[in-house]
Amino acid sequence: MNNLVAFSELHQYLSNFNMRLMLAEKNLIIGYKPFSYAGMQPKFATLNGSKNYQCLILHVAPGDKETDLGESLQQKIQEELGFVFTELRKFKLKNNEVAIPLEVLDSKEKMNILKEFILQTFESRKK
């Protein structure tokens, strides 16, 4: 599965959630913010198709810079999908983010594992 196919499938999947989409003007970057009647919600995910990034970033604890939730979830998804983020990307992750490079999604099985992970992350953020 190439990166464009993975990008498209993830976009379709994330669009099934009740989200507001935000498109970057000059890059292939889509932000996903949950709709809420209680006011503005922080971004849940960013699907980045820019040349040097090409990854899905989940914002697991937005606004909480002291958390280590992102680090623990990053380790979990890396083990499940079999990759090491620092070997594939040079940018530093925040401790409240989880990033999955698109090229690791090279099978339907891995895509399904990621979709389940996204659903669990989304459900836990609603609590």
Protein backbone atom coordinates (compact mmCIF):
# COMPACT_ATOMS: atom_id res chain seq x y z
CA MET A 1 0.00 0.00 0.00
CA ASN A 2 1.60 3.29 -0.99
CA ASN A 3 1.43 6.46 1.09
CA LEU A 4 -1.28 8.09 -1.04
CA VAL A 5 -3.56 5.07 -0.64
CA ALA A 6 -2.92 5.01 3.13
CA PHE A 7 -3.56 8.79 3.31
CA SER A 8 -6.85 8.41 1.43
CA GLU A 9 -8.06 5.46 3.52
CA LEU A 10 -7.22 7.23 6.79
CA HIS A 11 -8.98 10.38 5.59
CA GLN A 12 -12.12 8.38 4.76
CA TYR A 13 -11.99 6.65 8.14
CA LEU A 14 -11.48 9.85 10.16
CA SER A 15 -14.24 11.57 8.16
CA ASN A 16 -16.71 8.99 9.50
CA PHE A 17 -16.30 10.49 12.96
CA ASN A 18 -18.24 13.63 13.76
CA MET A 19 -15.36 16.00 12.86
CA ARG A 20 -14.79 19.42 11.43
CA LEU A 21 -12.07 19.37 8.76
CA MET A 22 -9.42 22.06 8.47
CA LEU A 23 -7.31 22.15 5.30
CA ALA A 24 -3.93 23.82 5.03
CA GLU A 25 -3.64 26.31 2.19
CA LYS A 26 -0.41 25.23 0.57
CA ASN A 27 0.29 21.71 1.86
CA LEU A 28 -1.54 18.43 1.95
CA ILE A 29 -2.42 18.67 5.64
CA ILE A 30 -5.87 17.98 7.09
CA GLY A 31 -6.78 18.67 10.71
CA TYR A 32 -9.71 16.91 12.40
CA LYS A 33 -11.56 18.63 15.25
CA PRO A 34 -14.50 16.94 16.99
CA PHE A 35 -17.80 18.80 16.84
CA SER A 36 -19.15 19.87 20.20
CA TYR A 37 -22.13 21.81 21.41
CA ALA A 38 -20.12 22.85 24.46
CA GLY A 39 -17.75 25.03 22.45
CA MET A 40 -14.47 24.61 20.64
CA GLN A 41 -12.80 21.23 20.89
CA PRO A 42 -9.05 20.74 20.50
CA LYS A 43 -7.78 18.98 17.42
CA PHE A 44 -7.97 15.18 17.55
CA ALA A 45 -5.80 14.29 14.56
CA THR A 46 -3.65 15.74 11.81
CA LEU A 47 -3.13 13.85 8.59
CA ASN A 48 0.05 15.25 7.11
CA GLY A 49 0.88 14.44 3.51
CA SER A 50 3.73 16.94 3.21
CA LYS A 51 6.92 15.54 1.70
CA ASN A 52 9.04 15.38 4.88
CA TYR A 53 6.27 14.30 7.26
CA GLN A 54 3.75 11.92 5.63
CA CYS A 55 2.20 10.68 8.83
CA LEU A 56 -0.88 10.63 11.00
CA ILE A 57 -0.53 12.53 14.27
CA LEU A 58 -3.05 11.85 17.03
CA HIS A 59 -3.35 14.56 19.67
CA VAL A 60 -4.04 12.32 22.68
CA ALA A 61 -3.88 14.89 25.47
CA PRO A 62 -4.20 18.33 23.85
CA GLY A 63 -3.11 21.18 26.05
CA ASP A 64 -1.52 18.92 28.67
CA LYS A 65 2.21 19.44 28.24
CA GLU A 66 3.06 17.54 31.42
CA THR A 67 1.49 14.22 30.40
CA ASP A 68 3.36 11.13 29.29
CA LEU A 69 0.27 9.60 27.65
CA GLY A 70 1.60 10.25 24.15
CA GLU A 71 4.87 8.50 24.90
CA SER A 72 3.20 5.38 26.28
CA LEU A 73 0.69 5.19 23.41
CA GLN A 74 3.52 5.78 20.91
CA GLN A 75 5.38 2.77 22.30
CA LYS A 76 2.21 0.66 22.15
CA ILE A 77 1.43 1.43 18.49
CA GLN A 78 5.09 1.05 17.49
CA GLU A 79 5.08 -2.47 18.96
CA GLU A 80 1.78 -3.37 17.31
CA LEU A 81 2.80 -2.08 13.87
CA GLY A 82 6.49 -2.97 14.10
CA PHE A 83 8.33 0.32 13.56
CA VAL A 84 10.60 2.75 15.39
CA PHE A 85 9.54 6.34 14.85
CA THR A 86 12.99 7.89 15.35
CA GLU A 87 14.41 5.68 12.59
CA LEU A 88 11.81 6.92 10.10
CA ARG A 89 11.38 10.61 10.99
CA LYS A 90 13.70 13.30 12.29
CA PHE A 91 11.16 15.63 13.90
CA LYS A 92 10.58 15.49 17.64
CA LEU A 93 7.19 14.47 18.94
CA LYS A 94 5.46 16.28 21.76
CA ASN A 95 4.70 14.15 24.82
CA ASN A 96 0.96 14.48 24.13
CA GLU A 97 1.11 13.24 20.52
CA VAL A 98 1.33 9.90 18.75
CA ALA A 99 2.67 9.73 15.19
CA ILE A 100 2.41 6.93 12.66
CA PRO A 101 4.39 7.26 9.41
CA LEU A 102 2.23 6.35 6.43
CA GLU A 103 4.76 3.92 4.94
CA VAL A 104 4.40 1.51 7.87
CA LEU A 105 0.79 0.90 6.80
CA ASP A 106 1.84 -1.60 4.16
CA SER A 107 -0.99 -4.11 4.65
CA LYS A 108 -4.71 -4.23 5.37
CA GLU A 109 -3.93 -5.91 8.69
CA LYS A 110 -1.79 -2.98 9.85
CA MET A 111 -4.41 -0.50 8.64
CA ASN A 112 -7.06 -2.34 10.66
CA ILE A 113 -4.81 -2.33 13.76
CA LEU A 114 -4.38 1.44 13.36
CA LYS A 115 -8.11 2.03 12.85
CA GLU A 116 -8.87 0.17 16.07
CA PHE A 117 -6.19 2.21 17.86
CA ILE A 118 -7.73 5.44 16.50
CA LEU A 119 -11.19 4.38 17.68
CA GLN A 120 -9.89 3.55 21.18
CA THR A 121 -8.03 6.85 21.36
CA PHE A 122 -11.10 8.78 20.22
CA GLU A 123 -13.35 7.00 22.72
CA SER A 124 -10.94 7.63 25.60
CA ARG A 125 -10.75 11.32 24.75
CA LYS A 126 -14.54 11.67 24.94
CA LYS A 127 -14.52 10.58 28.60
